[in-house]
Amino acid sequence: MSPEKPPRVGLRMLARAGLATFLIVSVCATAVAVAVIREVEDITAPFRDGRVANIEIPEIDAADAGGARTFMILGSDKRKGTDSDSPPRSDTILLVRADPDADAIAVLSIPRDLKVEIPGHGEGKINGAYEYGGKNGPRLVLRSVKKLFEDATGEKFPINNVMVMDYGAFRRAVDYIDGVYVDIDRDYFNDNSGGQNYATIDIDPGYQKLRGQDALDYVRYRHTDNDLVRAARQQDFLRQAKNDADVRKLMSLGESKRLARVFSRYFRVDKSLRSTKEVFSMLRLVLFLAQENPKVNEIRFRVHEAENPQVDSNLYTKTGWLRKMHREFMNAEGSARPRSSNAEPTDADREFERVRKKRKRKPGPVPGLEDAGVEGENQAVLADPKLDFPFYFPGVRVTGSSYAGTEPHIYRIRDERGRRHDAYRLVLRAPGIGEYYGVQGMTWKAPPILDDPDATRRVKKRRFQLYYDGNRLRMVAWKTKRGAYWISNTLTQSVGEDQMLEIAASLRRLNQ
């Protein structure tokens, strides 16, 4: 008789534990799944019921879940003096391509005066497509944009979503996030006191927080500029808004429902977003990019004016240029060369050019620069007594430049916690129309604009933080124990990298 086998207690306990674990995991998974479904249902509700997703555009292209996605953002406005039922026009046409693989966002502004073929309406300015389309205005703009690039390249130009925001909504959206910190390149002022009929604006130069109406006035301004300069200004505003603390928080994982509510309040979007799958796919992309904090690369839209702009106000592009822009945009690359400016010269511009040509300047150590120590010191003499931190001024400047104004703009700025800081801005006007660069200093050592530098470099014993837009150096920053300083390039980024670095390295204090 064989001895009795000992009971396999360990195996039985393991089996029971495994069964219990399976049941627990199943119950938890079911609960999580239900919670996720409910969460997604809550997020997508505004889109599904038609409150937001009400634009019918059959030509919309489907995007892969979590993959690259192209948005067409339209800023619409009604013509003054028309009734409320009149069709609006597209005052801004912005293409944004978010690409997780490239860890970058490409931004391309289409000039509203660009002459294109509008399907069914012949040739005309592209901003007319919205009005020609009536209630289907966004669809006709999309068809016009797709045709523009597809005719030039022979390749499909995918646009995955369309968003429309009017300017009233823009103001409210900016106020919703309590404004955006923006690096203002120069003084913007117009009160129509001379009998003009331009949009009024009053914004001082320097890094500051813009709220509703001021933000709208800033991005719409083109009194002495053209569409290209205004597009650069809008893209720069978007880049800086991306780093805003409230915007980053809004795009975080725990703020999905709030983000959806913001969309439902301020945007109208295409009907493809009625699909839960489509909304979830877009949210995955938004959250991924928010966590990665990708670079924003501006794609320069190449255009030229007519031979006689006084007779023909259209802007024109070329097939070769469109192919290059298509490649840069689809690959989320930044344009290597600066934007060009075709703005009409003002009386002040003409006077500046007249005075500049009479001056003779000693060349600086880098080609394209000249000595400017005396003028810089004169600015410092006026500013230094008014500040409680060191005032730095450049010893060199772009050849042919001059200071805009007789003295620096000295002011105070509140940080994100409400604490006040001293600040100043030196504004320099470069040759060309609408070309301004400058020196910013402040006691706020960690403003959002200095987050996430692209590189660091030591030049003449100083360690600089470098910020690029594609291949163009747009800003050089430097910190001391008492403050932060930076050199901002022009909106068209016309100052070269070597020049930017040399100007930054030449910063010095008043010796007194």
Protein backbone atom coordinates (compact mmCIF):
# COMPACT_ATOMS: atom_id res chain seq x y z
CA MET A 1 0.00 0.00 0.00
CA SER A 2 1.55 3.25 -1.15
CA PRO A 3 1.93 6.06 1.32
CA GLU A 4 -0.67 8.78 1.14
CA LYS A 5 0.38 11.77 -1.03
CA PRO A 6 0.65 15.03 0.83
CA PRO A 7 -2.07 17.57 -0.07
CA ARG A 8 -1.01 20.14 -2.74
CA VAL A 9 -1.97 23.13 -0.62
CA GLY A 10 0.36 25.49 -2.49
CA LEU A 11 -1.16 24.76 -5.88
CA ARG A 12 -4.73 25.07 -4.60
CA MET A 13 -3.96 28.37 -2.91
CA LEU A 14 -2.25 29.60 -6.07
CA ALA A 15 -5.25 28.61 -8.18
CA ARG A 16 -7.64 30.37 -5.81
CA ALA A 17 -5.40 33.44 -5.70
CA GLY A 18 -5.20 33.44 -9.48
CA LEU A 19 -8.96 33.22 -9.79
CA ALA A 20 -9.41 36.04 -7.27
CA THR A 21 -6.84 38.16 -9.05
CA PHE A 22 -8.56 37.54 -12.38
CA LEU A 23 -11.92 38.55 -10.92
CA ILE A 24 -10.45 41.67 -9.30
CA VAL A 25 -8.66 42.69 -12.48
CA SER A 26 -11.79 42.01 -14.54
CA VAL A 27 -13.97 44.08 -12.25
CA CYS A 28 -11.41 46.90 -12.15
CA ALA A 29 -10.92 46.79 -15.91
CA THR A 30 -14.66 46.92 -16.44
CA ALA A 31 -14.94 49.86 -14.06
CA VAL A 32 -12.08 51.67 -15.76
CA ALA A 33 -13.54 50.95 -19.19
CA VAL A 34 -16.92 52.29 -18.13
CA ALA A 35 -15.25 55.37 -16.61
CA VAL A 36 -13.23 55.95 -19.79
CA ILE A 37 -16.32 55.54 -21.96
CA ARG A 38 -18.23 57.98 -19.79
CA GLU A 39 -15.31 60.39 -19.88
CA VAL A 40 -15.10 60.22 -23.66
CA GLU A 41 -18.88 60.58 -23.89
CA ASP A 42 -18.71 63.73 -21.76
CA ILE A 43 -15.84 65.11 -23.82
CA THR A 44 -17.48 64.45 -27.18
CA ALA A 45 -21.03 65.50 -26.22
CA PRO A 46 -20.67 69.13 -27.44
CA PHE A 47 -19.42 67.88 -30.79
CA ARG A 48 -22.00 65.14 -31.28
CA ASP A 49 -25.06 67.27 -30.62
CA GLY A 50 -24.12 69.80 -33.29
CA ARG A 51 -23.43 72.75 -30.99
CA VAL A 52 -19.88 72.92 -32.30
CA ALA A 53 -19.38 70.40 -35.09
CA ASN A 54 -21.72 71.99 -37.60
CA ILE A 55 -19.57 72.64 -40.68
CA GLU A 56 -20.29 70.26 -43.54
CA ILE A 57 -17.07 69.58 -45.50
CA PRO A 58 -17.04 66.27 -47.43
CA GLU A 59 -13.47 66.96 -48.63
CA ILE A 60 -12.06 66.53 -45.11
CA ASP A 61 -9.32 63.85 -45.00
CA ALA A 62 -9.30 61.18 -42.29
CA ALA A 63 -6.21 61.15 -40.08
CA ASP A 64 -4.54 58.15 -38.49
CA ALA A 65 -5.19 57.85 -34.75
CA GLY A 66 -2.47 59.75 -32.92
CA GLY A 67 -0.65 60.48 -36.18
CA ALA A 68 0.16 63.75 -37.91
CA ARG A 69 -2.84 66.01 -38.37
CA THR A 70 -3.37 69.22 -40.35
CA PHE A 71 -5.78 71.86 -39.09
CA MET A 72 -7.09 74.77 -41.11
CA ILE A 73 -7.95 77.63 -38.74
CA LEU A 74 -10.07 80.46 -40.10
CA GLY A 75 -10.51 83.82 -38.42
CA SER A 76 -13.80 85.23 -39.66
CA ASP A 77 -15.22 88.73 -39.45
CA LYS A 78 -18.34 90.40 -40.74
CA ARG A 79 -18.04 93.45 -42.95
CA LYS A 80 -18.79 96.69 -41.21
CA GLY A 81 -22.12 98.23 -42.04
CA THR A 82 -23.80 94.99 -43.12
CA ASP A 83 -26.64 93.16 -41.48
CA SER A 84 -26.12 90.16 -39.22
CA ASP A 85 -27.15 87.68 -41.94
CA SER A 86 -24.46 88.81 -44.38
CA PRO A 87 -21.72 86.23 -45.04
CA PRO A 88 -18.46 86.76 -43.13
CA ARG A 89 -15.04 86.80 -44.74
CA SER A 90 -11.90 84.87 -43.81
CA ASP A 91 -9.56 87.53 -42.46
CA THR A 92 -7.02 84.89 -41.41
CA ILE A 93 -6.21 81.53 -43.04
CA LEU A 94 -3.79 79.50 -40.94
CA LEU A 95 -2.59 75.96 -41.60
CA VAL A 96 -1.17 74.08 -38.61
CA ARG A 97 0.39 70.62 -38.91
CA ALA A 98 1.08 68.75 -35.67
CA ASP A 99 3.43 65.83 -36.22
CA PRO A 100 4.36 63.57 -33.25
CA ASP A 101 7.04 61.78 -35.27
CA ALA A 102 8.83 65.07 -35.99
CA ASP A 103 8.05 66.36 -32.48
CA ALA A 104 7.18 69.65 -34.13
CA ILE A 105 4.31 71.86 -35.18
CA ALA A 106 4.47 73.60 -38.57
CA VAL A 107 2.54 76.84 -39.05
CA LEU A 108 1.80 78.33 -42.47
CA SER A 109 -0.22 81.53 -42.97
CA ILE A 110 -1.79 82.08 -46.36
CA PRO A 111 -1.89 85.79 -47.27
CA ARG A 112 -5.46 86.94 -47.69
CA ASP A 113 -4.50 88.94 -50.82
CA LEU A 114 -3.08 85.85 -52.56
CA LYS A 115 -4.58 85.39 -56.02
CA VAL A 116 -5.82 81.82 -56.52
CA GLU A 117 -8.39 79.88 -58.48
CA ILE A 118 -11.56 79.59 -56.41
CA PRO A 119 -13.51 76.51 -57.58
CA GLY A 120 -16.66 77.63 -59.36
CA HIS A 121 -15.80 81.33 -59.16
CA GLY A 122 -12.66 81.81 -61.25
CA GLU A 123 -9.60 83.70 -60.03
CA GLY A 124 -9.68 86.06 -57.08
CA LYS A 125 -8.19 86.84 -53.68
CA ILE A 126 -8.33 83.80 -51.45
CA ASN A 127 -10.09 85.62 -48.63
CA GLY A 128 -13.05 86.05 -50.99
CA ALA A 129 -13.67 82.28 -51.01
CA TYR A 130 -15.34 82.42 -47.60
CA GLU A 131 -17.79 85.07 -48.76
CA TYR A 132 -18.46 83.41 -52.13
CA GLY A 133 -19.26 80.17 -50.33
CA GLY A 134 -21.98 81.75 -48.17
CA LYS A 135 -23.00 79.26 -45.51
CA ASN A 136 -20.48 76.84 -46.99
CA GLY A 137 -17.67 79.41 -46.86
CA PRO A 138 -15.20 77.24 -44.89
CA ARG A 139 -15.68 74.42 -47.38
CA LEU A 140 -14.87 76.67 -50.35
CA VAL A 141 -11.76 78.00 -48.58
CA LEU A 142 -10.61 74.42 -47.97
CA ARG A 143 -11.23 73.44 -51.59
CA SER A 144 -9.29 76.51 -52.77
CA VAL A 145 -6.32 75.74 -50.51
CA LYS A 146 -6.20 72.08 -51.47
CA LYS A 147 -6.40 72.95 -55.17
CA LEU A 148 -3.60 75.51 -54.82
CA PHE A 149 -1.11 72.95 -53.48
CA GLU A 150 -2.33 69.87 -55.35
CA ASP A 151 -2.17 71.59 -58.75
CA ALA A 152 1.41 72.66 -58.03
CA THR A 153 2.71 69.39 -56.60
CA GLY A 154 0.54 66.66 -58.11
CA GLU A 155 0.31 65.25 -54.57
CA LYS A 156 -2.57 65.07 -52.15
CA PHE A 157 -2.68 67.90 -49.62
CA PRO A 158 -4.52 66.49 -46.59
CA ILE A 159 -6.52 68.76 -44.30
CA ASN A 160 -8.00 66.79 -41.42
CA ASN A 161 -9.98 69.37 -39.49
CA VAL A 162 -11.36 72.87 -39.95
CA MET A 163 -11.87 75.32 -37.11
CA VAL A 164 -13.54 78.73 -37.36
CA MET A 165 -13.26 81.48 -34.78
CA ASP A 166 -14.67 84.99 -35.06
CA TYR A 167 -12.91 87.90 -33.46
CA GLY A 168 -15.38 88.27 -30.62
CA ALA A 169 -14.66 84.66 -29.67
CA PHE A 170 -10.92 85.33 -29.95
CA ARG A 171 -11.16 88.15 -27.42
CA ARG A 172 -13.18 86.02 -25.02
CA ALA A 173 -10.86 83.03 -25.42
CA VAL A 174 -7.79 85.11 -24.58
CA ASP A 175 -9.58 86.52 -21.54
CA TYR A 176 -10.64 82.98 -20.56
CA ILE A 177 -6.97 82.06 -20.03
CA ASP A 178 -6.34 85.48 -18.43
CA GLY A 179 -4.24 86.77 -21.31
CA VAL A 180 -1.00 85.74 -23.01
CA TYR A 181 2.54 86.98 -22.35
CA VAL A 182 3.87 88.40 -25.63
CA ASP A 183 7.17 89.95 -26.69
CA ILE A 184 6.05 93.18 -28.43
CA ASP A 185 8.62 94.37 -30.95
CA ARG A 186 7.73 98.08 -31.07
CA ASP A 187 5.20 100.75 -30.18
CA TYR A 188 1.80 100.23 -31.83
CA PHE A 189 -0.41 103.28 -31.81
CA ASN A 190 -3.22 104.69 -33.91
CA ASP A 191 -6.18 106.73 -32.70
CA ASN A 192 -7.32 108.06 -36.10
CA SER A 193 -6.81 111.62 -34.81
CA GLY A 194 -5.45 112.54 -38.23
CA GLY A 195 -8.69 111.58 -39.94
CA GLN A 196 -7.63 108.06 -40.94
CA ASN A 197 -9.96 105.09 -40.88
CA TYR A 198 -7.73 102.36 -39.46
CA ALA A 199 -8.24 100.11 -36.47
CA THR A 200 -7.30 101.88 -33.25
CA ILE A 201 -4.48 100.41 -31.19
CA ASP A 202 -2.31 101.49 -28.25
CA ILE A 203 0.30 98.91 -27.15
CA ASP A 204 3.73 99.81 -25.79
CA PRO A 205 6.87 97.82 -26.71
CA GLY A 206 8.27 95.15 -24.41
CA TYR A 207 7.39 91.80 -22.92
CA GLN A 208 3.94 91.98 -21.34
CA LYS A 209 0.61 90.24 -20.90
CA LEU A 210 -1.97 91.00 -23.59
CA ARG A 211 -5.65 90.48 -22.87
CA GLY A 212 -8.77 90.38 -25.05
CA GLN A 213 -9.03 93.54 -27.13
CA ASP A 214 -5.32 94.39 -27.04
CA ALA A 215 -4.46 90.85 -28.17
CA LEU A 216 -6.95 91.12 -31.05
CA ASP A 217 -5.66 94.55 -32.06
CA TYR A 218 -2.11 93.21 -32.04
CA VAL A 219 -2.69 90.13 -34.21
CA ARG A 220 -4.91 92.04 -36.67
CA TYR A 221 -2.65 95.10 -37.06
CA ARG A 222 -1.42 95.87 -40.56
CA HIS A 223 -1.73 99.66 -40.84
CA THR A 224 1.93 100.06 -41.83
CA ASP A 225 2.53 96.37 -42.61
CA ASN A 226 1.19 93.85 -45.10
CA ASP A 227 -0.21 90.32 -44.85
CA LEU A 228 3.25 88.76 -44.59
CA VAL A 229 4.29 90.81 -41.59
CA ARG A 230 0.90 90.34 -39.97
CA ALA A 231 1.14 86.57 -40.53
CA ALA A 232 4.55 86.62 -38.81
CA ARG A 233 3.01 88.48 -35.90
CA GLN A 234 0.13 85.98 -35.61
CA GLN A 235 2.49 83.02 -35.72
CA ASP A 236 4.70 84.57 -33.07
CA PHE A 237 1.63 85.11 -30.89
CA LEU A 238 0.70 81.42 -31.24
CA ARG A 239 4.25 80.34 -30.39
CA GLN A 240 4.24 82.39 -27.21
CA ALA A 241 0.70 81.35 -26.27
CA LYS A 242 1.85 77.72 -26.41
CA ASN A 243 4.21 78.37 -23.48
CA ASP A 244 1.57 80.10 -21.37
CA ALA A 245 1.02 78.31 -18.05
CA ASP A 246 -2.78 78.35 -18.37
CA VAL A 247 -2.62 76.99 -21.92
CA ARG A 248 -0.28 74.19 -20.85
CA LYS A 249 -2.58 73.33 -17.97
CA LEU A 250 -5.60 73.35 -20.28
CA MET A 251 -3.89 70.83 -22.55
CA SER A 252 -2.95 68.46 -19.72
CA LEU A 253 -4.47 64.99 -19.31
CA GLY A 254 -6.74 65.98 -16.45
CA GLU A 255 -8.24 68.91 -18.34
CA SER A 256 -9.75 67.02 -21.31
CA LYS A 257 -13.35 67.94 -20.52
CA ARG A 258 -12.44 71.57 -19.88
CA LEU A 259 -10.51 71.66 -23.15
CA ALA A 260 -13.58 70.33 -24.96
CA ARG A 261 -15.73 72.99 -23.31
CA VAL A 262 -13.33 75.69 -24.49
CA PHE A 263 -13.57 74.35 -28.02
CA SER A 264 -17.34 74.24 -27.84
CA ARG A 265 -17.49 77.81 -26.57
CA TYR A 266 -15.10 79.52 -28.95
CA PHE A 267 -14.78 77.38 -32.09
CA ARG A 268 -17.00 75.94 -34.77
CA VAL A 269 -15.51 72.79 -36.29
CA ASP A 270 -16.20 70.36 -39.10
CA LYS A 271 -18.72 67.56 -38.63
CA SER A 272 -16.07 64.84 -38.63
CA LEU A 273 -15.63 65.66 -34.95
CA ARG A 274 -19.07 64.30 -34.18
CA SER A 275 -17.36 60.91 -34.24
CA THR A 276 -16.19 59.75 -30.80
CA LYS A 277 -13.31 57.97 -32.50
CA GLU A 278 -12.23 61.16 -34.27
CA VAL A 279 -12.37 63.28 -31.12
CA PHE A 280 -10.47 60.67 -29.15
CA SER A 281 -7.84 60.50 -31.91
CA MET A 282 -7.39 64.26 -31.86
CA LEU A 283 -7.21 64.35 -28.05
CA ARG A 284 -4.47 61.72 -28.12
CA LEU A 285 -2.47 63.93 -30.46
CA VAL A 286 -3.09 67.10 -28.45
CA LEU A 287 -2.14 65.49 -25.14
CA PHE A 288 0.95 63.83 -26.61
CA LEU A 289 2.19 67.08 -28.10
CA ALA A 290 1.41 68.96 -24.88
CA GLN A 291 3.54 66.54 -22.89
CA GLU A 292 6.39 66.63 -25.41
CA ASN A 293 6.26 70.45 -25.76
CA PRO A 294 7.23 70.40 -29.47
CA LYS A 295 8.93 73.17 -31.40
CA VAL A 296 6.77 75.51 -33.44
CA ASN A 297 8.30 76.01 -36.89
CA GLU A 298 7.10 78.80 -39.15
CA ILE A 299 6.85 78.07 -42.86
CA ARG A 300 7.46 81.21 -44.88
CA PHE A 301 4.84 81.75 -47.57
CA ARG A 302 6.70 82.98 -50.65
CA VAL A 303 4.90 85.65 -52.65
CA HIS A 304 5.64 88.64 -54.85
CA GLU A 305 3.68 91.75 -55.67
CA ALA A 306 2.35 92.76 -59.07
CA GLU A 307 4.50 94.99 -61.26
CA ASN A 308 2.26 97.92 -60.33
CA PRO A 309 0.86 97.34 -56.80
CA GLN A 310 -1.08 100.60 -56.95
CA VAL A 311 -3.20 99.13 -59.76
CA ASP A 312 -3.06 95.42 -58.86
CA SER A 313 -3.20 94.73 -55.10
CA ASN A 314 -2.99 90.94 -55.48
CA LEU A 315 -0.07 88.87 -54.21
CA TYR A 316 1.28 86.07 -56.40
CA THR A 317 3.22 82.88 -55.82
CA LYS A 318 5.02 80.41 -58.10
CA THR A 319 4.77 76.67 -58.68
CA GLY A 320 8.34 76.09 -57.47
CA TRP A 321 7.68 78.06 -54.32
CA LEU A 322 4.49 76.09 -53.63
CA ARG A 323 6.38 72.81 -53.98
CA LYS A 324 9.02 73.97 -51.52
CA MET A 325 6.41 75.18 -49.04
CA HIS A 326 4.53 71.89 -49.39
CA ARG A 327 7.65 69.90 -48.55
CA GLU A 328 8.54 72.10 -45.58
CA PHE A 329 5.00 72.00 -44.21
CA MET A 330 4.47 68.25 -44.58
CA ASN A 331 7.82 67.59 -42.88
CA ALA A 332 7.19 70.24 -40.17
CA GLU A 333 10.39 72.04 -41.11
CA GLY A 334 11.13 75.70 -40.57
CA SER A 335 12.03 77.91 -43.52
CA ALA A 336 15.74 78.64 -43.71
CA ARG A 337 15.45 82.19 -45.03
CA PRO A 338 13.66 85.10 -43.38
CA ARG A 339 10.32 86.35 -44.55
CA SER A 340 10.31 89.28 -46.92
CA SER A 341 8.38 92.47 -46.31
CA ASN A 342 6.48 94.23 -49.07
CA ALA A 343 4.76 96.80 -46.85
CA GLU A 344 4.21 100.28 -48.19
CA PRO A 345 6.62 102.85 -46.65
CA THR A 346 5.13 105.41 -44.28
CA ASP A 347 6.29 109.02 -43.97
CA ALA A 348 8.32 107.97 -40.91
CA ASP A 349 9.94 105.16 -42.94
CA ARG A 350 10.91 107.58 -45.72
CA GLU A 351 12.39 110.05 -43.22
CA PHE A 352 14.34 107.24 -41.53
CA GLU A 353 15.81 106.13 -44.87
CA ARG A 354 16.76 109.72 -45.75
CA VAL A 355 18.62 110.24 -42.47
CA ARG A 356 20.22 106.79 -42.55
CA LYS A 357 21.81 107.36 -45.95
CA LYS A 358 23.55 110.50 -44.71
CA ARG A 359 25.19 108.78 -41.75
CA LYS A 360 28.62 107.20 -41.87
CA ARG A 361 29.23 104.48 -39.33
CA LYS A 362 32.31 102.61 -38.27
CA PRO A 363 31.89 98.96 -39.25
CA GLY A 364 31.53 96.45 -36.42
CA PRO A 365 33.57 93.25 -35.95
CA VAL A 366 30.93 91.13 -37.75
CA PRO A 367 29.82 92.01 -41.31
CA GLY A 368 26.51 93.86 -41.32
CA LEU A 369 27.09 95.50 -37.92
CA GLU A 370 28.28 98.96 -36.92
CA ASP A 371 29.54 100.55 -33.73
CA ALA A 372 26.70 102.04 -31.66
CA GLY A 373 28.24 102.48 -28.23
CA VAL A 374 27.67 106.22 -28.01
CA GLU A 375 23.95 106.10 -28.81
CA GLY A 376 23.52 103.11 -26.50
CA GLU A 377 25.24 104.94 -23.66
CA ASN A 378 22.98 107.93 -24.22
CA GLN A 379 19.97 105.65 -23.82
CA ALA A 380 21.49 104.21 -20.65
CA VAL A 381 22.06 107.64 -19.09
CA LEU A 382 18.32 108.29 -19.35
CA ALA A 383 17.22 104.86 -18.14
CA ASP A 384 19.72 103.83 -15.48
CA PRO A 385 18.53 106.17 -12.68
CA LYS A 386 14.98 104.90 -13.08
CA LEU A 387 15.83 101.22 -12.57
CA ASP A 388 16.82 99.14 -9.54
CA PHE A 389 18.72 96.60 -11.61
CA PRO A 390 21.53 96.89 -14.18
CA PHE A 391 20.71 98.44 -17.54
CA TYR A 392 22.57 96.75 -20.42
CA PHE A 393 22.82 98.28 -23.89
CA PRO A 394 24.43 96.95 -27.09
CA GLY A 395 27.77 98.23 -28.29
CA VAL A 396 26.97 97.27 -31.90
CA ARG A 397 23.83 97.16 -34.01
CA VAL A 398 22.71 96.21 -37.51
CA THR A 399 24.24 98.58 -40.04
CA GLY A 400 21.86 101.43 -40.77
CA SER A 401 19.79 100.91 -37.62
CA SER A 402 18.64 103.64 -35.25
CA TYR A 403 16.86 103.74 -31.91
CA ALA A 404 13.10 104.13 -32.16
CA GLY A 405 12.21 106.91 -29.75
CA THR A 406 14.39 109.16 -27.67
CA GLU A 407 14.58 106.88 -24.64
CA PRO A 408 13.90 103.26 -23.61
CA HIS A 409 10.46 102.15 -22.51
CA ILE A 410 10.64 101.58 -18.74
CA TYR A 411 7.75 99.82 -17.06
CA ARG A 412 6.70 97.13 -14.59
CA ILE A 413 5.35 93.68 -15.31
CA ARG A 414 3.48 91.23 -13.10
CA ASP A 415 4.53 87.58 -13.18
CA GLU A 416 2.19 84.60 -13.06
CA ARG A 417 1.88 84.92 -9.28
CA GLY A 418 1.10 88.62 -9.41
CA ARG A 419 4.50 89.84 -8.23
CA ARG A 420 5.78 93.02 -9.87
CA HIS A 421 9.12 93.29 -11.66
CA ASP A 422 11.05 96.18 -13.16
CA ALA A 423 11.57 95.99 -16.91
CA TYR A 424 12.83 97.97 -19.89
CA ARG A 425 12.81 97.67 -23.66
CA LEU A 426 15.23 99.17 -26.17
CA VAL A 427 13.70 99.25 -29.67
CA LEU A 428 15.87 99.52 -32.78
CA ARG A 429 14.56 100.08 -36.27
CA ALA A 430 16.48 98.15 -38.94
CA PRO A 431 16.67 99.05 -42.62
CA GLY A 432 13.53 97.94 -44.42
CA ILE A 433 9.87 98.50 -43.76
CA GLY A 434 8.37 97.30 -40.52
CA GLU A 435 11.70 95.86 -39.31
CA TYR A 436 12.23 96.22 -35.54
CA TYR A 437 14.48 94.29 -33.17
CA GLY A 438 15.31 95.02 -29.56
CA VAL A 439 16.88 94.46 -26.17
CA GLN A 440 14.71 93.38 -23.25
CA GLY A 441 15.74 93.40 -19.59
CA MET A 442 13.77 92.58 -16.45
CA THR A 443 14.09 91.39 -12.87
CA TRP A 444 11.71 88.51 -13.61
CA LYS A 445 14.26 85.76 -14.15
CA ALA A 446 11.96 83.01 -15.44
CA PRO A 447 9.32 84.44 -17.81
CA PRO A 448 7.55 81.86 -20.02
CA ILE A 449 9.31 83.12 -23.14
CA LEU A 450 12.60 81.73 -21.78
CA ASP A 451 11.25 78.21 -21.26
CA ASP A 452 12.78 75.38 -23.31
CA PRO A 453 15.79 76.89 -25.13
CA ASP A 454 16.87 75.02 -28.25
CA ALA A 455 20.58 75.30 -27.51
CA THR A 456 23.15 77.02 -25.32
CA ARG A 457 26.39 78.60 -26.46
CA ARG A 458 29.25 80.38 -24.74
CA VAL A 459 30.33 83.59 -26.47
CA LYS A 460 32.91 85.95 -24.93
CA LYS A 461 32.55 84.53 -21.41
CA ARG A 462 28.75 84.63 -21.45
CA ARG A 463 26.52 81.59 -21.65
CA PHE A 464 23.60 82.32 -23.94
CA GLN A 465 20.32 80.47 -24.37
CA LEU A 466 19.37 80.23 -28.05
CA TYR A 467 15.84 79.99 -29.45
CA TYR A 468 15.28 79.02 -33.08
CA ASP A 469 12.46 79.08 -35.57
CA GLY A 470 13.53 76.35 -37.95
CA ASN A 471 17.02 77.40 -39.02
CA ARG A 472 16.58 81.06 -38.05
CA LEU A 473 17.79 82.34 -34.68
CA ARG A 474 14.89 84.36 -33.30
CA MET A 475 16.13 85.13 -29.77
CA VAL A 476 19.31 85.14 -27.66
CA ALA A 477 18.89 85.24 -23.86
CA TRP A 478 21.28 85.76 -20.97
CA LYS A 479 20.68 85.66 -17.21
CA THR A 480 22.48 87.35 -14.34
CA LYS A 481 21.99 87.20 -10.59
CA ARG A 482 19.69 90.20 -10.76
CA GLY A 483 17.76 89.76 -13.97
CA ALA A 484 17.16 88.26 -17.40
CA TYR A 485 18.04 89.86 -20.74
CA TRP A 486 17.43 88.94 -24.34
CA ILE A 487 17.83 90.14 -27.92
CA SER A 488 14.71 89.66 -30.04
CA ASN A 489 15.01 89.34 -33.82
CA THR A 490 12.62 91.18 -36.12
CA LEU A 491 9.24 89.60 -36.84
CA THR A 492 10.56 88.72 -40.30
CA GLN A 493 13.75 87.35 -38.66
CA SER A 494 15.97 89.38 -40.95
CA VAL A 495 18.94 89.67 -38.55
CA GLY A 496 21.44 86.86 -39.13
CA GLU A 497 22.66 84.43 -36.44
CA ASP A 498 26.21 85.79 -36.27
CA GLN A 499 24.84 89.31 -35.96
CA MET A 500 22.39 88.33 -33.22
CA LEU A 501 25.14 86.66 -31.20
CA GLU A 502 27.53 89.56 -31.64
CA ILE A 503 24.90 92.08 -30.55
CA ALA A 504 24.16 89.97 -27.46
CA ALA A 505 27.86 89.64 -26.66
CA SER A 506 28.31 93.41 -26.94
CA LEU A 507 25.79 94.18 -24.17
CA ARG A 508 27.44 96.25 -21.47
CA ARG A 509 26.51 98.33 -18.44
CA LEU A 510 26.76 102.07 -18.06
CA ASN A 511 30.20 102.90 -16.60
CA GLN A 512 29.60 105.59 -14.02
